[in-house]
N, C-alpha and C. Protein backbone atom coordinates (compact mmCIF):
# COMPACT_ATOMS: atom_id res chain seq x y z
N MET A 1 44.92 46.77 8.81
CA MET A 1 44.29 46.62 7.51
C MET A 1 43.67 45.23 7.45
N ILE A 2 42.51 45.16 6.81
CA ILE A 2 41.88 43.86 6.61
C ILE A 2 41.83 43.56 5.11
N VAL A 3 41.84 42.28 4.82
CA VAL A 3 41.77 41.80 3.44
C VAL A 3 40.57 40.88 3.33
N ILE A 4 39.76 41.10 2.32
CA ILE A 4 38.60 40.26 2.06
C ILE A 4 38.95 39.42 0.82
N ALA A 5 38.92 38.11 0.97
CA ALA A 5 39.18 37.20 -0.14
C ALA A 5 37.87 36.53 -0.51
N VAL A 6 37.48 36.66 -1.76
CA VAL A 6 36.17 36.16 -2.21
C VAL A 6 36.37 35.30 -3.45
N ASN A 7 35.63 34.20 -3.51
CA ASN A 7 35.55 33.39 -4.73
C ASN A 7 34.09 33.35 -5.13
N LEU A 8 33.80 33.75 -6.36
CA LEU A 8 32.45 33.72 -6.91
C LEU A 8 32.46 32.85 -8.15
N VAL A 9 31.46 31.96 -8.25
CA VAL A 9 31.36 31.08 -9.40
C VAL A 9 30.01 31.31 -10.08
N VAL A 10 30.07 31.57 -11.38
CA VAL A 10 28.87 31.73 -12.20
C VAL A 10 28.96 30.75 -13.36
N ASP A 11 27.86 30.55 -14.07
CA ASP A 11 27.89 29.72 -15.28
C ASP A 11 28.84 30.35 -16.29
N ALA A 12 29.56 29.52 -17.00
CA ALA A 12 30.51 30.01 -18.01
C ALA A 12 29.82 30.90 -19.04
N ALA A 13 28.56 30.60 -19.35
CA ALA A 13 27.82 31.39 -20.33
C ALA A 13 27.59 32.83 -19.86
N ASP A 14 27.60 33.05 -18.55
CA ASP A 14 27.39 34.39 -17.98
C ASP A 14 28.69 35.09 -17.62
N ALA A 15 29.81 34.41 -17.78
CA ALA A 15 31.08 34.88 -17.22
C ALA A 15 31.57 36.20 -17.83
N ASP A 16 31.45 36.38 -19.13
CA ASP A 16 31.96 37.62 -19.74
C ASP A 16 31.19 38.84 -19.24
N ALA A 17 29.88 38.74 -19.22
CA ALA A 17 29.06 39.85 -18.72
C ALA A 17 29.31 40.08 -17.23
N PHE A 18 29.49 38.99 -16.48
CA PHE A 18 29.76 39.10 -15.05
C PHE A 18 31.10 39.80 -14.83
N GLU A 19 32.10 39.46 -15.63
CA GLU A 19 33.41 40.11 -15.51
C GLU A 19 33.29 41.62 -15.73
N THR A 20 32.51 42.02 -16.71
CA THR A 20 32.32 43.44 -16.98
C THR A 20 31.74 44.14 -15.76
N ARG A 21 30.74 43.52 -15.13
CA ARG A 21 30.14 44.11 -13.93
C ARG A 21 31.11 44.11 -12.76
N LEU A 22 31.92 43.06 -12.63
CA LEU A 22 32.92 43.02 -11.56
C LEU A 22 33.93 44.15 -11.71
N ARG A 23 34.34 44.42 -12.93
CA ARG A 23 35.29 45.51 -13.17
C ARG A 23 34.70 46.85 -12.73
N LYS A 24 33.44 47.07 -13.07
CA LYS A 24 32.76 48.30 -12.66
C LYS A 24 32.64 48.35 -11.14
N HIS A 25 32.31 47.22 -10.53
CA HIS A 25 32.18 47.15 -9.07
C HIS A 25 33.52 47.47 -8.41
N ALA A 26 34.60 46.93 -8.93
CA ALA A 26 35.93 47.20 -8.38
C ALA A 26 36.26 48.69 -8.49
N ALA A 27 35.98 49.28 -9.64
CA ALA A 27 36.25 50.71 -9.83
C ALA A 27 35.44 51.55 -8.85
N ASN A 28 34.17 51.21 -8.65
CA ASN A 28 33.34 51.91 -7.68
C ASN A 28 33.91 51.78 -6.28
N SER A 29 34.35 50.58 -5.94
CA SER A 29 34.89 50.32 -4.60
C SER A 29 36.12 51.17 -4.33
N LEU A 30 36.96 51.33 -5.34
CA LEU A 30 38.20 52.09 -5.16
C LEU A 30 37.96 53.58 -4.93
N THR A 31 36.74 54.06 -5.17
CA THR A 31 36.42 55.47 -4.89
C THR A 31 36.13 55.69 -3.41
N GLN A 32 35.94 54.63 -2.66
CA GLN A 32 35.63 54.76 -1.23
C GLN A 32 36.91 55.08 -0.46
N PRO A 33 36.84 56.03 0.49
CA PRO A 33 38.05 56.44 1.20
C PRO A 33 38.77 55.31 1.94
N GLY A 34 38.05 54.35 2.48
CA GLY A 34 38.68 53.28 3.26
C GLY A 34 39.14 52.08 2.45
N CYS A 35 38.86 52.08 1.14
CA CYS A 35 39.27 50.97 0.28
C CYS A 35 40.68 51.23 -0.23
N LYS A 36 41.60 50.33 0.07
CA LYS A 36 43.00 50.50 -0.31
C LYS A 36 43.39 49.71 -1.55
N GLY A 37 42.57 48.74 -1.94
CA GLY A 37 42.88 47.95 -3.13
C GLY A 37 41.75 47.01 -3.46
N PHE A 38 41.64 46.67 -4.73
CA PHE A 38 40.58 45.75 -5.17
C PHE A 38 41.08 45.05 -6.43
N LEU A 39 41.42 43.78 -6.30
CA LEU A 39 41.90 42.99 -7.43
C LEU A 39 40.84 41.99 -7.86
N VAL A 40 40.68 41.84 -9.16
CA VAL A 40 39.75 40.86 -9.73
C VAL A 40 40.56 39.94 -10.62
N ALA A 41 40.42 38.63 -10.42
CA ALA A 41 41.11 37.64 -11.26
C ALA A 41 40.11 36.60 -11.72
N ARG A 42 40.36 36.08 -12.91
CA ARG A 42 39.49 35.05 -13.49
C ARG A 42 40.30 33.76 -13.62
N ASP A 43 39.73 32.69 -13.14
CA ASP A 43 40.40 31.39 -13.12
C ASP A 43 40.72 30.93 -14.55
N GLN A 44 41.93 30.46 -14.77
CA GLN A 44 42.34 30.00 -16.10
C GLN A 44 41.68 28.69 -16.50
N GLU A 45 41.31 27.87 -15.53
CA GLU A 45 40.74 26.56 -15.83
C GLU A 45 39.22 26.52 -15.75
N ASN A 46 38.62 27.50 -15.08
CA ASN A 46 37.17 27.56 -14.95
C ASN A 46 36.74 28.99 -15.25
N ALA A 47 36.28 29.22 -16.46
CA ALA A 47 35.97 30.58 -16.92
C ALA A 47 34.91 31.28 -16.07
N GLY A 48 34.11 30.52 -15.34
CA GLY A 48 33.07 31.11 -14.52
C GLY A 48 33.48 31.37 -13.08
N SER A 49 34.76 31.13 -12.76
CA SER A 49 35.24 31.30 -11.39
C SER A 49 36.09 32.57 -11.29
N PHE A 50 35.70 33.45 -10.37
CA PHE A 50 36.39 34.72 -10.16
C PHE A 50 36.90 34.80 -8.73
N HIS A 51 38.07 35.39 -8.58
CA HIS A 51 38.69 35.57 -7.27
C HIS A 51 38.89 37.07 -7.06
N LEU A 52 38.46 37.55 -5.91
CA LEU A 52 38.58 38.97 -5.57
C LEU A 52 39.41 39.10 -4.31
N TRP A 53 40.27 40.11 -4.29
CA TRP A 53 41.01 40.46 -3.08
C TRP A 53 40.79 41.95 -2.86
N GLU A 54 40.16 42.26 -1.74
CA GLU A 54 39.83 43.64 -1.41
C GLU A 54 40.57 43.99 -0.12
N SER A 55 41.09 45.20 -0.03
CA SER A 55 41.72 45.61 1.22
C SER A 55 41.09 46.92 1.69
N TYR A 56 40.89 46.98 3.01
CA TYR A 56 40.25 48.13 3.65
C TYR A 56 41.04 48.53 4.89
N ASP A 57 40.92 49.80 5.25
CA ASP A 57 41.60 50.29 6.45
C ASP A 57 41.24 49.48 7.68
N ASP A 58 39.94 49.18 7.81
CA ASP A 58 39.45 48.50 9.01
C ASP A 58 38.04 47.97 8.74
N MET A 59 37.44 47.36 9.75
CA MET A 59 36.09 46.79 9.58
C MET A 59 35.04 47.87 9.33
N ASP A 60 35.24 49.06 9.91
CA ASP A 60 34.29 50.15 9.65
C ASP A 60 34.26 50.50 8.16
N ALA A 61 35.43 50.54 7.53
CA ALA A 61 35.49 50.83 6.10
C ALA A 61 34.83 49.72 5.29
N PHE A 62 35.01 48.47 5.72
CA PHE A 62 34.36 47.36 5.02
C PHE A 62 32.85 47.43 5.19
N GLU A 63 32.39 47.80 6.38
CA GLU A 63 30.94 47.96 6.60
C GLU A 63 30.38 49.06 5.70
N GLU A 64 31.12 50.16 5.55
CA GLU A 64 30.69 51.23 4.63
C GLU A 64 30.55 50.68 3.22
N HIS A 65 31.52 49.87 2.82
CA HIS A 65 31.49 49.26 1.49
C HIS A 65 30.24 48.39 1.33
N LYS A 66 29.97 47.56 2.32
CA LYS A 66 28.81 46.66 2.22
C LYS A 66 27.49 47.42 2.14
N ASN A 67 27.46 48.63 2.69
CA ASN A 67 26.22 49.41 2.72
C ASN A 67 26.14 50.47 1.62
N ALA A 68 27.13 50.52 0.74
CA ALA A 68 27.13 51.51 -0.34
C ALA A 68 26.02 51.22 -1.35
N GLY A 69 25.49 52.27 -1.95
CA GLY A 69 24.42 52.10 -2.93
C GLY A 69 24.83 51.23 -4.10
N PHE A 70 26.05 51.39 -4.60
CA PHE A 70 26.49 50.57 -5.73
C PHE A 70 26.60 49.10 -5.34
N MET A 71 26.85 48.83 -4.05
CA MET A 71 26.92 47.44 -3.59
C MET A 71 25.54 46.79 -3.66
N ALA A 72 24.51 47.54 -3.31
CA ALA A 72 23.14 47.02 -3.41
C ALA A 72 22.80 46.70 -4.87
N ASP A 73 23.22 47.56 -5.78
CA ASP A 73 22.99 47.30 -7.21
C ASP A 73 23.72 46.05 -7.66
N PHE A 74 24.99 45.89 -7.21
CA PHE A 74 25.76 44.71 -7.60
C PHE A 74 25.13 43.44 -7.03
N ARG A 75 24.68 43.49 -5.78
CA ARG A 75 24.02 42.32 -5.18
C ARG A 75 22.78 41.92 -5.97
N GLU A 76 21.98 42.92 -6.34
CA GLU A 76 20.75 42.64 -7.10
C GLU A 76 21.09 41.96 -8.43
N TYR A 77 22.14 42.43 -9.09
CA TYR A 77 22.56 41.85 -10.36
C TYR A 77 23.14 40.45 -10.16
N SER A 78 24.03 40.30 -9.18
CA SER A 78 24.82 39.07 -9.06
C SER A 78 24.12 37.92 -8.34
N THR A 79 23.23 38.21 -7.42
CA THR A 79 22.62 37.14 -6.61
C THR A 79 22.02 36.02 -7.46
N PRO A 80 21.24 36.32 -8.51
CA PRO A 80 20.69 35.22 -9.29
C PRO A 80 21.73 34.45 -10.11
N LEU A 81 22.89 35.06 -10.36
CA LEU A 81 23.91 34.44 -11.21
C LEU A 81 24.91 33.58 -10.43
N VAL A 82 25.19 33.96 -9.19
CA VAL A 82 26.25 33.30 -8.43
C VAL A 82 25.77 31.94 -7.92
N LYS A 83 26.51 30.90 -8.35
CA LYS A 83 26.19 29.52 -7.93
C LYS A 83 26.93 29.14 -6.66
N GLU A 84 28.12 29.70 -6.48
CA GLU A 84 28.93 29.45 -5.28
C GLU A 84 29.57 30.76 -4.86
N ARG A 85 29.67 30.93 -3.54
CA ARG A 85 30.32 32.13 -2.99
C ARG A 85 31.06 31.72 -1.73
N HIS A 86 32.34 32.04 -1.69
CA HIS A 86 33.16 31.79 -0.51
C HIS A 86 33.84 33.10 -0.15
N LEU A 87 33.75 33.47 1.13
CA LEU A 87 34.31 34.74 1.58
C LEU A 87 35.12 34.51 2.84
N ALA A 88 36.30 35.11 2.90
CA ALA A 88 37.13 35.07 4.10
C ALA A 88 37.52 36.49 4.46
N ILE A 89 37.34 36.85 5.73
CA ILE A 89 37.77 38.14 6.24
C ILE A 89 39.06 37.90 7.00
N CYS A 90 40.13 38.56 6.56
CA CYS A 90 41.47 38.28 7.08
C CYS A 90 42.13 39.55 7.61
N ASP A 91 43.02 39.38 8.57
CA ASP A 91 43.90 40.46 9.01
C ASP A 91 45.17 40.38 8.18
N LEU A 92 45.63 41.51 7.69
CA LEU A 92 46.87 41.53 6.94
C LEU A 92 48.02 41.21 7.89
N VAL A 93 48.86 40.29 7.50
CA VAL A 93 50.02 39.90 8.29
C VAL A 93 51.02 41.06 8.28
N PRO A 94 51.55 41.45 9.46
CA PRO A 94 52.55 42.52 9.47
C PRO A 94 53.70 42.20 8.50
N GLY A 95 54.03 43.15 7.66
CA GLY A 95 55.07 42.93 6.65
C GLY A 95 54.57 42.14 5.46
N GLY A 96 53.25 41.90 5.39
CA GLY A 96 52.68 41.05 4.35
C GLY A 96 52.30 41.76 3.08
N VAL A 97 52.79 42.99 2.88
CA VAL A 97 52.50 43.72 1.65
C VAL A 97 53.73 43.68 0.77
N ALA A 98 53.54 43.26 -0.47
CA ALA A 98 54.63 43.25 -1.45
C ALA A 98 54.22 44.14 -2.61
N GLU A 99 55.14 44.92 -3.10
CA GLU A 99 54.84 45.81 -4.23
C GLU A 99 55.83 45.57 -5.35
N HIS A 100 55.29 45.46 -6.56
CA HIS A 100 56.12 45.24 -7.75
C HIS A 100 55.51 46.01 -8.90
N GLU A 101 56.27 46.90 -9.48
CA GLU A 101 55.82 47.69 -10.62
C GLU A 101 54.46 48.34 -10.38
N GLY A 102 54.28 48.89 -9.19
CA GLY A 102 53.07 49.63 -8.88
C GLY A 102 51.89 48.79 -8.46
N LEU A 103 52.01 47.47 -8.48
CA LEU A 103 50.91 46.60 -8.07
C LEU A 103 51.11 46.21 -6.63
N VAL A 104 50.17 46.54 -5.78
CA VAL A 104 50.24 46.14 -4.39
C VAL A 104 49.43 44.88 -4.22
N VAL A 105 50.05 43.85 -3.68
CA VAL A 105 49.39 42.57 -3.47
C VAL A 105 49.26 42.32 -1.99
C-alpha cells in the first residue's frame, strides 16, 4: 500500500470554498476501487493550509486516480488558488495501520 501526503496552501479568503471542493474531491476519490482512504485536515493555525492523506493499493491505483476525470476538474479549479504544494509518495510501514472507532490512519 502507498500513502500520498499532500500539503496545499491557499489564501485564507479562499479557504472555505476550497475546503468544500476538497471534501467533494475526497468523496470522488473514495469511489475508485484502488483508493483505500482519503483524509482531509485543515490547519488550526493557518486557515488556508490543508493536509491530505490518501492511501492506494499500489502505484497503478494512484496513476488511475491522477488520470480520473474528476481529478482534471479539481486541478483546473485548484491550480490558480494553490500558493504552495508539497507532495510525498510513501510506502506504508508494515504494521503501520492503526484503527480507532472506525477511523483508519
